[in-house]
């Protein structure tokens, strides 16, 4: 019925979708940057830029696909694959913050079921080069 459809859509809009965004690493990282007043100009994204990060920071950063121009103190926003690449280049860093990551447009049963959600999650990181 119409009332059931409206109630379902309201429940999705008020509860489900806002909770889902907790697993969108780019939006969480964007909020973190804004709340902590981190200048976006000091953040570097590598091969896999996050468009939600750009949206929430209100700044568009072109990705830096090289590791040549990095220096001590640079703050990188990287996924697990990029983190492994930084490690393979023997760059020293500290993890500043880790964010759970899931492509929210590709929902799976493993993600939706709370007991198995961790299996579906990946991570994105803010790392600071040392």
Protein backbone atom coordinates (compact mmCIF):
# COMPACT_ATOMS: atom_id res chain seq x y z
CA UNK A 1 0.00 0.00 0.00
CA UNK A 2 0.98 3.64 -0.31
CA UNK A 3 1.33 4.13 3.45
CA UNK A 4 3.64 1.12 3.74
CA UNK A 5 5.78 2.41 0.86
CA UNK A 6 6.05 5.86 2.43
CA UNK A 7 6.94 4.36 5.83
CA UNK A 8 9.59 2.14 4.22
CA UNK A 9 11.14 5.07 2.31
CA UNK A 10 11.13 7.20 5.45
CA UNK A 11 12.84 4.46 7.45
CA UNK A 12 15.48 4.09 4.73
CA UNK A 13 16.09 7.84 4.58
CA UNK A 14 16.27 8.35 8.34
CA UNK A 15 18.07 5.21 9.47
CA UNK A 16 19.55 2.99 6.77
CA UNK A 17 21.26 5.44 4.40
CA UNK A 18 22.87 7.66 7.08
CA UNK A 19 24.27 4.54 8.80
CA UNK A 20 25.50 3.21 5.48
CA UNK A 21 27.60 6.35 4.96
CA UNK A 22 29.62 5.43 8.07
CA UNK A 23 31.28 2.85 5.81
CA UNK A 24 32.07 5.27 3.00
CA UNK A 25 35.67 6.05 3.92
CA UNK A 26 35.90 9.15 1.75
CA UNK A 27 32.99 10.87 3.44
CA UNK A 28 34.25 9.94 6.91
CA UNK A 29 37.75 11.16 6.05
CA UNK A 30 36.30 14.38 4.63
CA UNK A 31 34.42 15.01 7.87
CA UNK A 32 37.61 14.25 9.83
CA UNK A 33 39.60 16.79 7.79
CA UNK A 34 36.97 19.50 8.23
CA UNK A 35 36.49 18.83 11.98
CA UNK A 36 40.24 18.84 12.62
CA UNK A 37 40.88 21.85 10.36
CA UNK A 38 43.49 19.99 8.32
CA UNK A 39 44.41 22.02 5.22
CA UNK A 40 43.36 20.00 2.18
CA UNK A 41 46.41 21.36 0.36
CA UNK A 42 48.54 19.19 2.67
CA UNK A 43 46.79 15.94 1.69
CA UNK A 44 47.83 13.76 -1.22
CA UNK A 45 45.73 11.05 -2.84
CA UNK A 46 47.49 8.48 -4.98
CA UNK A 47 46.03 6.25 -7.72
CA UNK A 48 42.57 5.73 -6.25
CA UNK A 49 41.08 9.15 -5.44
CA UNK A 50 37.92 9.37 -3.39
CA UNK A 51 35.27 11.58 -4.94
CA UNK A 52 33.25 11.59 -1.70
CA UNK A 53 36.38 12.89 0.07
CA UNK A 54 36.57 15.71 -2.48
CA UNK A 55 32.87 16.43 -1.96
CA UNK A 56 33.02 16.66 1.84
CA UNK A 57 36.23 18.71 1.87
CA UNK A 58 34.81 20.95 -0.88
CA UNK A 59 38.05 20.63 -2.79
CA UNK A 60 39.09 18.56 -5.78
CA UNK A 61 42.55 17.07 -5.63
CA UNK A 62 43.99 15.49 -8.73
CA UNK A 63 45.64 12.19 -7.83
CA UNK A 64 49.42 12.02 -7.60
CA UNK A 65 50.33 8.73 -9.28
CA UNK A 66 54.05 8.96 -8.49
CA UNK A 67 55.81 8.53 -5.20
CA UNK A 68 58.80 10.62 -6.29
CA UNK A 69 57.87 14.02 -4.91
CA UNK A 70 56.78 12.89 -1.46
CA UNK A 71 58.52 14.30 1.57
CA UNK A 72 58.56 13.98 5.34
CA UNK A 73 55.37 15.36 6.87
CA UNK A 74 53.19 14.72 3.81
CA UNK A 75 49.75 13.38 4.69
CA UNK A 76 48.44 10.72 2.29
CA UNK A 77 44.90 9.35 2.00
CA UNK A 78 45.39 5.80 0.69
CA UNK A 79 43.56 2.52 0.30
CA UNK A 80 45.06 -0.86 1.25
CA UNK A 81 46.66 -1.40 -2.17
CA UNK A 82 48.29 2.04 -2.12
CA UNK A 83 49.48 1.48 1.45
CA UNK A 84 51.24 -1.69 0.29
CA UNK A 85 52.82 0.33 -2.53
CA UNK A 86 54.14 2.91 -0.03
CA UNK A 87 55.53 0.08 2.10
CA UNK A 88 57.16 -1.55 -0.95
CA UNK A 89 59.02 1.72 -1.60
CA UNK A 90 60.34 1.53 1.98
CA UNK A 91 58.82 4.88 2.93
CA UNK A 92 58.47 5.32 6.68
CA UNK A 93 55.07 6.50 7.91
CA UNK A 94 52.69 6.48 10.81
CA UNK A 95 48.99 5.73 10.53
CA UNK A 96 47.14 8.83 11.67
CA UNK A 97 43.64 7.39 11.25
CA UNK A 98 42.03 4.34 9.67
CA UNK A 99 38.53 4.37 8.20
CA UNK A 100 36.32 1.36 7.43
CA UNK A 101 35.62 1.22 3.73
CA UNK A 102 32.89 -0.39 1.66
CA UNK A 103 31.57 0.58 -1.76
CA UNK A 104 28.07 1.42 -0.62
CA UNK A 105 26.66 1.04 -4.13
CA UNK A 106 27.52 -2.67 -4.13
CA UNK A 107 25.65 -3.99 -1.11
CA UNK A 108 26.13 -7.66 -0.30
CA UNK A 109 24.57 -10.00 2.21
CA UNK A 110 27.93 -10.32 3.95
CA UNK A 111 27.99 -6.56 4.50
CA UNK A 112 24.33 -6.22 5.50
CA UNK A 113 24.50 -9.01 8.10
CA UNK A 114 26.08 -7.37 11.15
CA UNK A 115 27.88 -10.55 12.27
CA UNK A 116 29.76 -10.87 8.96
CA UNK A 117 30.15 -7.18 8.09
CA UNK A 118 33.84 -7.02 9.09
CA UNK A 119 34.59 -9.64 6.43
CA UNK A 120 33.25 -7.27 3.75
CA UNK A 121 35.07 -4.17 4.96
CA UNK A 122 38.36 -2.84 3.69
CA UNK A 123 40.21 0.17 5.06
CA UNK A 124 41.47 3.52 3.89
CA UNK A 125 44.10 5.39 5.84
CA UNK A 126 45.53 8.77 6.56
CA UNK A 127 49.26 8.21 6.86
CA UNK A 128 51.93 10.75 7.65
CA UNK A 129 55.33 10.27 6.08
CA UNK A 130 58.29 10.32 8.46
